[in-house]
Amino acid sequence: MNWHVHYREGLTDHVARFQSPERAVEAACHLLDHGSDVYRIRARPKAETLDKEQIARIYAVWARARYN
């Protein structure tokens, strides 16, 4: 199953594809760390989706673990 990270850099929307949810979440956290706007992580072909609020909560845990 492919996982898609939907994000915005400046005025341009992008989609990055990953083979696992762990890699997608880690990539999303790195993108947020570098100032990108990550607004969705979605699995295909299933429509499992993490929205912006869920991503923000995951990022907060990731950032705490990384910087402490």
PDB file of N, CA and C in Angstrom:
ATOM      1  N   MET A   1       0.856  -1.170   0.000  1.00  0.00           N
ATOM      2  CA  MET A   1       0.000   0.000   0.000  1.00  0.00           C
ATOM      3  C   MET A   1       0.901   1.232   0.000  1.00  0.00           C
ATOM      4  N   ASN A   2       0.580   2.196  -0.806  1.00  0.00           N
ATOM      5  CA  ASN A   2       1.329   3.448  -0.863  1.00  0.00           C
ATOM      6  C   ASN A   2       0.724   4.487   0.070  1.00  0.00           C
ATOM      7  N   TRP A   3       1.583   5.266   0.709  1.00  0.00           N
ATOM      8  CA  TRP A   3       1.174   6.361   1.578  1.00  0.00           C
ATOM      9  C   TRP A   3       1.608   7.658   0.925  1.00  0.00           C
ATOM     10  N   HIS A   4       0.701   8.604   0.854  1.00  0.00           N
ATOM     11  CA  HIS A   4       0.967   9.886   0.207  1.00  0.00           C
ATOM     12  C   HIS A   4       0.964  10.997   1.240  1.00  0.00           C
ATOM     13  N   VAL A   5       2.018  11.804   1.228  1.00  0.00           N
ATOM     14  CA  VAL A   5       2.105  12.977   2.087  1.00  0.00           C
ATOM     15  C   VAL A   5       1.815  14.187   1.206  1.00  0.00           C
ATOM     16  N   HIS A   6       0.745  14.889   1.529  1.00  0.00           N
ATOM     17  CA  HIS A   6       0.339  16.083   0.781  1.00  0.00           C
ATOM     18  C   HIS A   6       0.837  17.302   1.547  1.00  0.00           C
ATOM     19  N   TYR A   7       1.627  18.127   0.878  1.00  0.00           N
ATOM     20  CA  TYR A   7       2.185  19.290   1.557  1.00  0.00           C
ATOM     21  C   TYR A   7       2.329  20.462   0.599  1.00  0.00           C
ATOM     22  N   ARG A   8       2.521  21.634   1.202  1.00  0.00           N
ATOM     23  CA  ARG A   8       2.639  22.867   0.441  1.00  0.00           C
ATOM     24  C   ARG A   8       3.947  23.552   0.821  1.00  0.00           C
ATOM     25  N   GLU A   9       4.731  23.896  -0.186  1.00  0.00           N
ATOM     26  CA  GLU A   9       5.932  24.710  -0.010  1.00  0.00           C
ATOM     27  C   GLU A   9       5.715  25.984  -0.795  1.00  0.00           C
ATOM     28  N   GLY A  10       5.684  27.096  -0.065  1.00  0.00           N
ATOM     29  CA  GLY A  10       5.358  28.353  -0.728  1.00  0.00           C
ATOM     30  C   GLY A  10       3.942  28.281  -1.260  1.00  0.00           C
ATOM     31  N   LEU A  11       3.785  28.488  -2.542  1.00  0.00           N
ATOM     32  CA  LEU A  11       2.459  28.442  -3.163  1.00  0.00           C
ATOM     33  C   LEU A  11       2.226  27.166  -3.961  1.00  0.00           C
ATOM     34  N   THR A  12       3.149  26.208  -3.849  1.00  0.00           N
ATOM     35  CA  THR A  12       3.078  24.993  -4.659  1.00  0.00           C
ATOM     36  C   THR A  12       2.706  23.779  -3.811  1.00  0.00           C
ATOM     37  N   ASP A  13       1.720  23.011  -4.282  1.00  0.00           N
ATOM     38  CA  ASP A  13       1.330  21.768  -3.626  1.00  0.00           C
ATOM     39  C   ASP A  13       2.193  20.626  -4.160  1.00  0.00           C
ATOM     40  N   HIS A  14       2.529  19.697  -3.255  1.00  0.00           N
ATOM     41  CA  HIS A  14       3.347  18.538  -3.615  1.00  0.00           C
ATOM     42  C   HIS A  14       2.745  17.283  -3.002  1.00  0.00           C
ATOM     43  N   VAL A  15       3.098  16.145  -3.583  1.00  0.00           N
ATOM     44  CA  VAL A  15       2.733  14.843  -3.020  1.00  0.00           C
ATOM     45  C   VAL A  15       3.989  13.981  -3.048  1.00  0.00           C
ATOM     46  N   ALA A  16       4.344  13.436  -1.877  1.00  0.00           N
ATOM     47  CA  ALA A  16       5.463  12.509  -1.777  1.00  0.00           C
ATOM     48  C   ALA A  16       4.886  11.136  -1.441  1.00  0.00           C
ATOM     49  N   ARG A  17       5.439  10.097  -2.044  1.00  0.00           N
ATOM     50  CA  ARG A  17       4.923   8.740  -1.861  1.00  0.00           C
ATOM     51  C   ARG A  17       5.904   7.887  -1.068  1.00  0.00           C
ATOM     52  N   PHE A  18       5.355   7.049  -0.169  1.00  0.00           N
ATOM     53  CA  PHE A  18       6.158   6.190   0.689  1.00  0.00           C
ATOM     54  C   PHE A  18       5.514   4.814   0.773  1.00  0.00           C
ATOM     55  N   GLN A  19       6.328   3.810   1.085  1.00  0.00           N
ATOM     56  CA  GLN A  19       5.848   2.427   1.151  1.00  0.00           C
ATOM     57  C   GLN A  19       5.261   2.052   2.508  1.00  0.00           C
ATOM     58  N   SER A  20       5.533   2.843   3.552  1.00  0.00           N
ATOM     59  CA  SER A  20       5.017   2.493   4.875  1.00  0.00           C
ATOM     60  C   SER A  20       4.495   3.744   5.572  1.00  0.00           C
ATOM     61  N   PRO A  21       3.566   3.557   6.501  1.00  0.00           N
ATOM     62  CA  PRO A  21       3.055   4.709   7.234  1.00  0.00           C
ATOM     63  C   PRO A  21       4.135   5.347   8.112  1.00  0.00           C
ATOM     64  N   GLU A  22       5.047   4.551   8.630  1.00  0.00           N
ATOM     65  CA  GLU A  22       6.123   5.096   9.462  1.00  0.00           C
ATOM     66  C   GLU A  22       7.008   6.059   8.672  1.00  0.00           C
ATOM     67  N   ARG A  23       7.362   5.677   7.477  1.00  0.00           N
ATOM     68  CA  ARG A  23       8.200   6.560   6.640  1.00  0.00           C
ATOM     69  C   ARG A  23       7.438   7.817   6.239  1.00  0.00           C
ATOM     70  N   ALA A  24       6.160   7.675   5.967  1.00  0.00           N
ATOM     71  CA  ALA A  24       5.348   8.842   5.605  1.00  0.00           C
ATOM     72  C   ALA A  24       5.248   9.825   6.763  1.00  0.00           C
ATOM     73  N   VAL A  25       5.018   9.312   7.964  1.00  0.00           N
ATOM     74  CA  VAL A  25       4.905  10.181   9.140  1.00  0.00           C
ATOM     75  C   VAL A  25       6.240  10.853   9.429  1.00  0.00           C
ATOM     76  N   GLU A  26       7.327  10.100   9.346  1.00  0.00           N
ATOM     77  CA  GLU A  26       8.645  10.697   9.595  1.00  0.00           C
ATOM     78  C   GLU A  26       8.956  11.784   8.567  1.00  0.00           C
ATOM     79  N   ALA A  27       8.647  11.518   7.306  1.00  0.00           N
ATOM     80  CA  ALA A  27       8.869  12.530   6.269  1.00  0.00           C
ATOM     81  C   ALA A  27       8.022  13.768   6.527  1.00  0.00           C
ATOM     82  N   ALA A  28       6.774  13.567   6.942  1.00  0.00           N
ATOM     83  CA  ALA A  28       5.898  14.698   7.245  1.00  0.00           C
ATOM     84  C   ALA A  28       6.481  15.538   8.376  1.00  0.00           C
ATOM     85  N   CYS A  29       7.023  14.881   9.387  1.00  0.00           N
ATOM     86  CA  CYS A  29       7.623  15.607  10.514  1.00  0.00           C
ATOM     87  C   CYS A  29       8.837  16.409  10.056  1.00  0.00           C
ATOM     88  N   HIS A  30       9.662  15.826   9.205  1.00  0.00           N
ATOM     89  CA  HIS A  30      10.815  16.565   8.676  1.00  0.00           C
ATOM     90  C   HIS A  30      10.360  17.757   7.829  1.00  0.00           C
ATOM     91  N   LEU A  31       9.320  17.556   7.035  1.00  0.00           N
ATOM     92  CA  LEU A  31       8.797  18.662   6.227  1.00  0.00           C
ATOM     93  C   LEU A  31       8.286  19.794   7.117  1.00  0.00           C
ATOM     94  N   LEU A  32       7.563  19.445   8.169  1.00  0.00           N
ATOM     95  CA  LEU A  32       7.077  20.461   9.114  1.00  0.00           C
ATOM     96  C   LEU A  32       8.241  21.169   9.788  1.00  0.00           C
ATOM     97  N   ASP A  33       9.263  20.417  10.118  1.00  0.00           N
ATOM     98  CA  ASP A  33      10.441  20.980  10.761  1.00  0.00           C
ATOM     99  C   ASP A  33      11.133  22.013   9.862  1.00  0.00           C
ATOM    100  N   HIS A  34      11.018  21.828   8.557  1.00  0.00           N
ATOM    101  CA  HIS A  34      11.640  22.748   7.598  1.00  0.00           C
ATOM    102  C   HIS A  34      10.681  23.820   7.091  1.00  0.00           C
ATOM    103  N   GLY A  35       9.504  23.916   7.712  1.00  0.00           N
ATOM    104  CA  GLY A  35       8.592  25.008   7.395  1.00  0.00           C
ATOM    105  C   GLY A  35       7.526  24.725   6.355  1.00  0.00           C
ATOM    106  N   SER A  36       7.430  23.502   5.869  1.00  0.00           N
ATOM    107  CA  SER A  36       6.377  23.174   4.906  1.00  0.00           C
ATOM    108  C   SER A  36       5.040  23.014   5.627  1.00  0.00           C
ATOM    109  N   ASP A  37       3.965  23.167   4.891  1.00  0.00           N
ATOM    110  CA  ASP A  37       2.615  22.986   5.420  1.00  0.00           C
ATOM    111  C   ASP A  37       2.126  21.595   5.002  1.00  0.00           C
ATOM    112  N   VAL A  38       2.177  20.649   5.938  1.00  0.00           N
ATOM    113  CA  VAL A  38       1.700  19.282   5.672  1.00  0.00           C
ATOM    114  C   VAL A  38       0.230  19.237   6.055  1.00  0.00           C
ATOM    115  N   TYR A  39      -0.625  18.966   5.092  1.00  0.00           N
ATOM    116  CA  TYR A  39      -2.057  19.022   5.379  1.00  0.00           C
ATOM    117  C   TYR A  39      -2.774  17.683   5.265  1.00  0.00           C
ATOM    118  N   ARG A  40      -2.082  16.620   4.844  1.00  0.00           N
ATOM    119  CA  ARG A  40      -2.753  15.313   4.785  1.00  0.00           C
ATOM    120  C   ARG A  40      -1.728  14.205   4.565  1.00  0.00           C
ATOM    121  N   ILE A  41      -1.972  13.073   5.215  1.00  0.00           N
ATOM    122  CA  ILE A  41      -1.267  11.832   4.917  1.00  0.00           C
ATOM    123  C   ILE A  41      -2.354  10.827   4.603  1.00  0.00           C
ATOM    124  N   ARG A  42      -2.264  10.229   3.434  1.00  0.00           N
ATOM    125  CA  ARG A  42      -3.340   9.345   2.977  1.00  0.00           C
ATOM    126  C   ARG A  42      -2.772   8.039   2.440  1.00  0.00           C
ATOM    127  N   ALA A  43      -3.466   6.961   2.748  1.00  0.00           N
ATOM    128  CA  ALA A  43      -3.098   5.645   2.227  1.00  0.00           C
ATOM    129  C   ALA A  43      -3.915   5.360   0.974  1.00  0.00           C
ATOM    130  N   ARG A  44      -3.260   4.781   0.005  1.00  0.00           N
ATOM    131  CA  ARG A  44      -3.937   4.335  -1.207  1.00  0.00           C
ATOM    132  C   ARG A  44      -3.660   2.863  -1.389  1.00  0.00           C
ATOM    133  N   PRO A  45      -4.563   2.064  -1.826  1.00  0.00           N
ATOM    134  CA  PRO A  45      -5.874   2.370  -2.373  1.00  0.00           C
ATOM    135  C   PRO A  45      -6.937   2.622  -1.319  1.00  0.00           C
ATOM    136  N   LYS A  46      -6.699   2.216  -0.066  1.00  0.00           N
ATOM    137  CA  LYS A  46      -7.685   2.531   0.973  1.00  0.00           C
ATOM    138  C   LYS A  46      -7.675   4.026   1.220  1.00  0.00           C
ATOM    139  N   ALA A  47      -8.726   4.524   1.766  1.00  0.00           N
ATOM    140  CA  ALA A  47      -8.819   5.964   2.007  1.00  0.00           C
ATOM    141  C   ALA A  47      -8.551   6.312   3.472  1.00  0.00           C
ATOM    142  N   GLU A  48      -7.581   5.624   4.096  1.00  0.00           N
ATOM    143  CA  GLU A  48      -7.198   5.976   5.459  1.00  0.00           C
ATOM    144  C   GLU A  48      -6.461   7.302   5.394  1.00  0.00           C
ATOM    145  N   THR A  49      -6.876   8.249   6.221  1.00  0.00           N
ATOM    146  CA  THR A  49      -6.312   9.591   6.141  1.00  0.00           C
ATOM    147  C   THR A  49      -6.013  10.154   7.518  1.00  0.00           C
ATOM    148  N   LEU A  50      -4.869  10.807   7.634  1.00  0.00           N
ATOM    149  CA  LEU A  50      -4.554  11.616   8.802  1.00  0.00           C
ATOM    150  C   LEU A  50      -4.733  13.070   8.381  1.00  0.00           C
ATOM    151  N   ASP A  51      -5.537  13.811   9.129  1.00  0.00           N
ATOM    152  CA  ASP A  51      -5.756  15.214   8.769  1.00  0.00           C
ATOM    153  C   ASP A  51      -4.734  16.104   9.464  1.00  0.00           C
ATOM    154  N   LYS A  52      -4.825  17.381   9.214  1.00  0.00           N
ATOM    155  CA  LYS A  52      -3.853  18.347   9.704  1.00  0.00           C
ATOM    156  C   LYS A  52      -3.760  18.342  11.233  1.00  0.00           C
ATOM    157  N   GLU A  53      -4.876  18.208  11.925  1.00  0.00           N
ATOM    158  CA  GLU A  53      -4.882  18.193  13.385  1.00  0.00           C
ATOM    159  C   GLU A  53      -4.153  16.963  13.919  1.00  0.00           C
ATOM    160  N   GLN A  54      -4.407  15.799  13.338  1.00  0.00           N
ATOM    161  CA  GLN A  54      -3.734  14.572  13.763  1.00  0.00           C
ATOM    162  C   GLN A  54      -2.232  14.653  13.483  1.00  0.00           C
ATOM    163  N   ILE A  55      -1.872  15.213  12.355  1.00  0.00           N
ATOM    164  CA  ILE A  55      -0.463  15.372  12.004  1.00  0.00           C
ATOM    165  C   ILE A  55       0.225  16.303  12.999  1.00  0.00           C
ATOM    166  N   ALA A  56      -0.440  17.358  13.412  1.00  0.00           N
ATOM    167  CA  ALA A  56       0.126  18.299  14.385  1.00  0.00           C
ATOM    168  C   ALA A  56       0.394  17.606  15.716  1.00  0.00           C
ATOM    169  N   ARG A  57      -0.510  16.748  16.154  1.00  0.00           N
ATOM    170  CA  ARG A  57      -0.300  16.014  17.408  1.00  0.00           C
ATOM    171  C   ARG A  57       0.888  15.062  17.300  1.00  0.00           C
ATOM    172  N   ILE A  58       0.990  14.363  16.178  1.00  0.00           N
ATOM    173  CA  ILE A  58       2.120  13.457  15.965  1.00  0.00           C
ATOM    174  C   ILE A  58       3.421  14.249  15.940  1.00  0.00           C
ATOM    175  N   TYR A  59       3.413  15.386  15.255  1.00  0.00           N
ATOM    176  CA  TYR A  59       4.610  16.221  15.167  1.00  0.00           C
ATOM    177  C   TYR A  59       5.042  16.706  16.552  1.00  0.00           C
ATOM    178  N   ALA A  60       4.108  17.079  17.394  1.00  0.00           N
ATOM    179  CA  ALA A  60       4.447  17.560  18.740  1.00  0.00           C
ATOM    180  C   ALA A  60       5.183  16.477  19.527  1.00  0.00           C
ATOM    181  N   VAL A  61       4.720  15.243  19.433  1.00  0.00           N
ATOM    182  CA  VAL A  61       5.384  14.127  20.122  1.00  0.00           C
ATOM    183  C   VAL A  61       6.774  13.902  19.512  1.00  0.00           C
ATOM    184  N   TRP A  62       6.859  13.911  18.198  1.00  0.00           N
ATOM    185  CA  TRP A  62       8.127  13.703  17.491  1.00  0.00           C
ATOM    186  C   TRP A  62       9.128  14.789  17.856  1.00  0.00           C
ATOM    187  N   ALA A  63       8.709  16.036  17.863  1.00  0.00           N
ATOM    188  CA  ALA A  63       9.594  17.151  18.174  1.00  0.00           C
ATOM    189  C   ALA A  63      10.087  17.067  19.616  1.00  0.00           C
ATOM    190  N   ARG A  64       9.191  16.736  20.537  1.00  0.00           N
ATOM    191  CA  ARG A  64       9.593  16.594  21.945  1.00  0.00           C
ATOM    192  C   ARG A  64      10.649  15.510  22.093  1.00  0.00           C
ATOM    193  N   ALA A  65      10.437  14.382  21.440  1.00  0.00           N
ATOM    194  CA  ALA A  65      11.382  13.278  21.535  1.00  0.00           C
ATOM    195  C   ALA A  65      12.715  13.634  20.880  1.00  0.00           C
ATOM    196  N   ARG A  66      12.655  14.364  19.811  1.00  0.00           N
ATOM    197  CA  ARG A  66      13.865  14.703  19.064  1.00  0.00           C
ATOM    198  C   ARG A  66      14.691  15.777  19.757  1.00  0.00           C
ATOM    199  N   TYR A  67      14.052  16.762  20.319  1.00  0.00           N
ATOM    200  CA  TYR A  67      14.773  17.905  20.871  1.00  0.00           C
ATOM    201  C   TYR A  67      15.000  17.824  22.366  1.00  0.00           C
ATOM    202  N   ASN A  68      14.511  16.806  23.037  1.00  0.00           N
ATOM    203  CA  ASN A  68      14.757  16.664  24.489  1.00  0.00           C
ATOM    204  C   ASN A  68      15.771  15.602  24.770  1.00  0.00           C
TER     205      ASN A  68
END
